[in-house]
Amino acid sequence: MFGHWEILIVLVIILVVFGAGKLPKVMGDLGKGIGAFKKGMAEKSSDDEEVVEAPKKAVKKSPAKKKPATKKKTTTKAKK
């Protein structure tokens, strides 16, 4: 994926941009953000599983009831 040189270059750029004083705070905030993201993804996947399982328990299959067929009344014309 990434080689050693790419990671080293990214770390040097981060050090130059944020400075040595703010670097621990920035990395701590980044770690908290990643942790919150993972927690949110875990909750979403557990919510999805509950949604999938809930309808299976609630659904009851019953035989379909058919209405009896009705015949149309036919009218006959009286002959005069």
N, C-alpha and C. Protein backbone atom coordinates (compact mmCIF):
# COMPACT_ATOMS: atom_id res chain seq x y z
N MET A 1 0.84 -1.17 0.00
CA MET A 1 0.00 0.00 0.00
C MET A 1 0.90 1.25 0.00
N PHE A 2 1.35 1.69 1.14
CA PHE A 2 2.27 2.82 1.22
C PHE A 2 3.63 2.31 1.66
N GLY A 3 4.68 2.86 1.05
CA GLY A 3 6.02 2.48 1.44
C GLY A 3 6.51 3.32 2.61
N HIS A 4 7.69 3.00 3.07
CA HIS A 4 8.27 3.72 4.21
C HIS A 4 8.54 5.18 3.87
N TRP A 5 8.98 5.43 2.65
CA TRP A 5 9.32 6.80 2.27
C TRP A 5 8.07 7.68 2.19
N GLU A 6 6.98 7.15 1.69
CA GLU A 6 5.75 7.94 1.59
C GLU A 6 5.24 8.33 2.97
N ILE A 7 5.25 7.39 3.89
CA ILE A 7 4.80 7.67 5.26
C ILE A 7 5.71 8.69 5.91
N LEU A 8 7.01 8.57 5.72
CA LEU A 8 7.96 9.52 6.30
C LEU A 8 7.73 10.92 5.73
N ILE A 9 7.51 11.04 4.45
CA ILE A 9 7.27 12.35 3.83
C ILE A 9 5.98 12.98 4.39
N VAL A 10 4.93 12.19 4.53
CA VAL A 10 3.68 12.71 5.08
C VAL A 10 3.88 13.18 6.51
N LEU A 11 4.60 12.42 7.32
CA LEU A 11 4.86 12.82 8.71
C LEU A 11 5.67 14.11 8.79
N VAL A 12 6.65 14.28 7.92
CA VAL A 12 7.45 15.51 7.91
C VAL A 12 6.58 16.69 7.51
N ILE A 13 5.72 16.52 6.53
CA ILE A 13 4.82 17.61 6.12
C ILE A 13 3.88 17.98 7.26
N ILE A 14 3.34 17.00 7.96
CA ILE A 14 2.47 17.27 9.10
C ILE A 14 3.23 18.01 10.18
N LEU A 15 4.46 17.63 10.45
CA LEU A 15 5.28 18.30 11.46
C LEU A 15 5.54 19.75 11.07
N VAL A 16 5.80 20.00 9.82
CA VAL A 16 6.06 21.37 9.35
C VAL A 16 4.79 22.22 9.43
N VAL A 17 3.66 21.65 9.03
CA VAL A 17 2.40 22.41 9.00
C VAL A 17 1.92 22.74 10.41
N PHE A 18 1.87 21.77 11.29
CA PHE A 18 1.30 21.97 12.62
C PHE A 18 2.34 22.38 13.67
N GLY A 19 3.57 22.06 13.47
CA GLY A 19 4.60 22.39 14.45
C GLY A 19 4.67 21.35 15.55
N ALA A 20 5.79 21.35 16.26
CA ALA A 20 6.01 20.34 17.30
C ALA A 20 5.10 20.56 18.51
N GLY A 21 4.72 21.80 18.78
CA GLY A 21 3.89 22.09 19.95
C GLY A 21 2.47 21.58 19.82
N LYS A 22 1.89 21.73 18.65
CA LYS A 22 0.49 21.33 18.44
C LYS A 22 0.34 19.89 17.97
N LEU A 23 1.42 19.26 17.60
CA LEU A 23 1.34 17.92 17.03
C LEU A 23 0.67 16.90 17.96
N PRO A 24 1.01 16.84 19.26
CA PRO A 24 0.33 15.87 20.14
C PRO A 24 -1.19 16.11 20.23
N LYS A 25 -1.59 17.39 20.30
CA LYS A 25 -3.02 17.69 20.37
C LYS A 25 -3.73 17.29 19.07
N VAL A 26 -3.11 17.58 17.94
CA VAL A 26 -3.71 17.24 16.65
C VAL A 26 -3.83 15.73 16.51
N MET A 27 -2.81 15.00 16.88
CA MET A 27 -2.86 13.54 16.77
C MET A 27 -3.88 12.95 17.75
N GLY A 28 -4.00 13.54 18.94
CA GLY A 28 -5.01 13.07 19.90
C GLY A 28 -6.41 13.29 19.37
N ASP A 29 -6.66 14.47 18.79
CA ASP A 29 -7.97 14.74 18.20
C ASP A 29 -8.25 13.82 17.02
N LEU A 30 -7.23 13.55 16.23
CA LEU A 30 -7.40 12.63 15.10
C LEU A 30 -7.75 11.23 15.60
N GLY A 31 -7.08 10.79 16.64
CA GLY A 31 -7.38 9.47 17.22
C GLY A 31 -8.79 9.39 17.76
N LYS A 32 -9.25 10.48 18.44
CA LYS A 32 -10.62 10.50 18.95
C LYS A 32 -11.63 10.47 17.81
N GLY A 33 -11.32 11.17 16.74
CA GLY A 33 -12.21 11.19 15.58
C GLY A 33 -12.32 9.82 14.94
N ILE A 34 -11.19 9.15 14.80
CA ILE A 34 -11.21 7.80 14.22
C ILE A 34 -11.98 6.84 15.14
N GLY A 35 -11.78 6.98 16.46
CA GLY A 35 -12.51 6.14 17.41
C GLY A 35 -14.01 6.36 17.33
N ALA A 36 -14.42 7.63 17.23
CA ALA A 36 -15.85 7.94 17.12
C ALA A 36 -16.42 7.40 15.81
N PHE A 37 -15.64 7.47 14.73
CA PHE A 37 -16.08 6.94 13.45
C PHE A 37 -16.29 5.43 13.52
N LYS A 38 -15.34 4.73 14.12
CA LYS A 38 -15.47 3.27 14.25
C LYS A 38 -16.66 2.89 15.12
N LYS A 39 -16.87 3.67 16.21
CA LYS A 39 -18.00 3.40 17.09
C LYS A 39 -19.31 3.61 16.34
N GLY A 40 -19.39 4.68 15.56
CA GLY A 40 -20.59 4.94 14.77
C GLY A 40 -20.85 3.85 13.74
N MET A 41 -19.79 3.37 13.11
CA MET A 41 -19.96 2.29 12.12
C MET A 41 -20.43 1.01 12.80
N ALA A 42 -19.90 0.73 14.00
CA ALA A 42 -20.32 -0.47 14.72
C ALA A 42 -21.79 -0.37 15.13
N GLU A 43 -22.22 0.82 15.58
CA GLU A 43 -23.62 1.00 15.95
C GLU A 43 -24.52 0.88 14.73
N LYS A 44 -24.09 1.41 13.61
CA LYS A 44 -24.89 1.34 12.39
C LYS A 44 -25.06 -0.11 11.95
N SER A 45 -23.98 -0.88 12.01
CA SER A 45 -24.08 -2.28 11.58
C SER A 45 -24.96 -3.08 12.55
N SER A 46 -24.90 -2.76 13.86
CA SER A 46 -25.76 -3.48 14.80
C SER A 46 -27.21 -3.05 14.62
N ASP A 47 -27.45 -1.76 14.27
CA ASP A 47 -28.81 -1.32 13.99
C ASP A 47 -29.35 -2.01 12.75
N ASP A 48 -28.52 -2.18 11.73
CA ASP A 48 -28.95 -2.86 10.51
C ASP A 48 -29.32 -4.30 10.80
N GLU A 49 -28.56 -4.96 11.67
CA GLU A 49 -28.87 -6.35 11.99
C GLU A 49 -30.19 -6.44 12.74
N GLU A 50 -30.46 -5.48 13.65
CA GLU A 50 -31.72 -5.49 14.38
C GLU A 50 -32.89 -5.26 13.44
N VAL A 51 -32.73 -4.38 12.48
CA VAL A 51 -33.79 -4.09 11.53
C VAL A 51 -34.08 -5.31 10.67
N VAL A 52 -33.06 -6.03 10.29
CA VAL A 52 -33.24 -7.22 9.47
C VAL A 52 -33.91 -8.32 10.27
N GLU A 53 -33.55 -8.47 11.55
CA GLU A 53 -34.10 -9.54 12.37
C GLU A 53 -35.52 -9.24 12.83
N ALA A 54 -35.85 -8.00 13.07
CA ALA A 54 -37.16 -7.65 13.61
C ALA A 54 -38.32 -8.08 12.71
N PRO A 55 -38.30 -7.81 11.42
CA PRO A 55 -39.43 -8.25 10.60
C PRO A 55 -39.60 -9.76 10.56
N LYS A 56 -38.53 -10.50 10.67
CA LYS A 56 -38.64 -11.95 10.63
C LYS A 56 -39.47 -12.46 11.80
N LYS A 57 -39.34 -11.83 12.96
CA LYS A 57 -40.08 -12.27 14.14
C LYS A 57 -41.53 -11.82 14.08
N ALA A 58 -41.80 -10.69 13.49
CA ALA A 58 -43.13 -10.11 13.51
C ALA A 58 -44.03 -10.64 12.39
N VAL A 59 -43.45 -11.17 11.35
CA VAL A 59 -44.25 -11.59 10.21
C VAL A 59 -44.87 -12.95 10.48
N LYS A 60 -46.18 -13.00 10.33
CA LYS A 60 -46.90 -14.27 10.46
C LYS A 60 -47.59 -14.52 9.14
N LYS A 61 -47.40 -15.67 8.62
CA LYS A 61 -48.03 -16.00 7.34
C LYS A 61 -49.37 -16.66 7.62
N SER A 62 -50.38 -16.15 6.98
CA SER A 62 -51.70 -16.75 7.11
C SER A 62 -52.21 -17.04 5.71
N PRO A 63 -53.02 -18.07 5.59
CA PRO A 63 -53.52 -18.40 4.25
C PRO A 63 -54.39 -17.26 3.72
N ALA A 64 -54.28 -17.03 2.46
CA ALA A 64 -55.06 -15.96 1.84
C ALA A 64 -56.52 -16.38 1.77
N LYS A 65 -57.38 -15.46 2.14
CA LYS A 65 -58.81 -15.74 2.09
C LYS A 65 -59.34 -15.16 0.80
N LYS A 66 -60.03 -16.01 0.06
CA LYS A 66 -60.60 -15.56 -1.20
C LYS A 66 -62.09 -15.29 -1.00
N LYS A 67 -62.53 -14.24 -1.63
CA LYS A 67 -63.95 -13.94 -1.59
C LYS A 67 -64.65 -14.84 -2.60
N PRO A 68 -65.85 -15.28 -2.26
CA PRO A 68 -66.57 -16.12 -3.23
C PRO A 68 -66.92 -15.30 -4.46
N ALA A 69 -66.88 -15.95 -5.57
CA ALA A 69 -67.20 -15.27 -6.83
C ALA A 69 -68.68 -14.92 -6.86
N THR A 70 -68.98 -13.74 -7.31
CA THR A 70 -70.38 -13.34 -7.40
C THR A 70 -70.81 -13.38 -8.85
N LYS A 71 -72.05 -13.83 -9.05
CA LYS A 71 -72.57 -13.90 -10.40
C LYS A 71 -73.33 -12.62 -10.69
N LYS A 72 -73.20 -12.17 -11.91
CA LYS A 72 -73.95 -10.99 -12.31
C LYS A 72 -75.38 -11.41 -12.59
N LYS A 73 -76.28 -10.56 -12.19
CA LYS A 73 -77.69 -10.84 -12.46
C LYS A 73 -77.96 -10.53 -13.92
N THR A 74 -78.57 -11.47 -14.54
CA THR A 74 -78.92 -11.25 -15.94
C THR A 74 -80.40 -10.93 -16.02
N THR A 75 -80.70 -9.99 -16.79
CA THR A 75 -82.10 -9.60 -16.96
C THR A 75 -82.58 -10.10 -18.31
N THR A 76 -83.76 -10.61 -18.29
CA THR A 76 -84.35 -11.06 -19.55
C THR A 76 -85.48 -10.12 -19.90
N LYS A 77 -85.58 -9.84 -21.12
CA LYS A 77 -86.65 -8.95 -21.57
C LYS A 77 -87.90 -9.77 -21.79
N ALA A 78 -88.94 -9.23 -21.27
CA ALA A 78 -90.23 -9.91 -21.45
C ALA A 78 -90.74 -9.63 -22.86
N LYS A 79 -91.27 -10.67 -23.49
CA LYS A 79 -91.79 -10.53 -24.84
C LYS A 79 -93.20 -9.99 -24.77
N LYS A 80 -93.52 -9.07 -25.61
CA LYS A 80 -94.87 -8.51 -25.64
C LYS A 80 -95.70 -9.12 -26.71
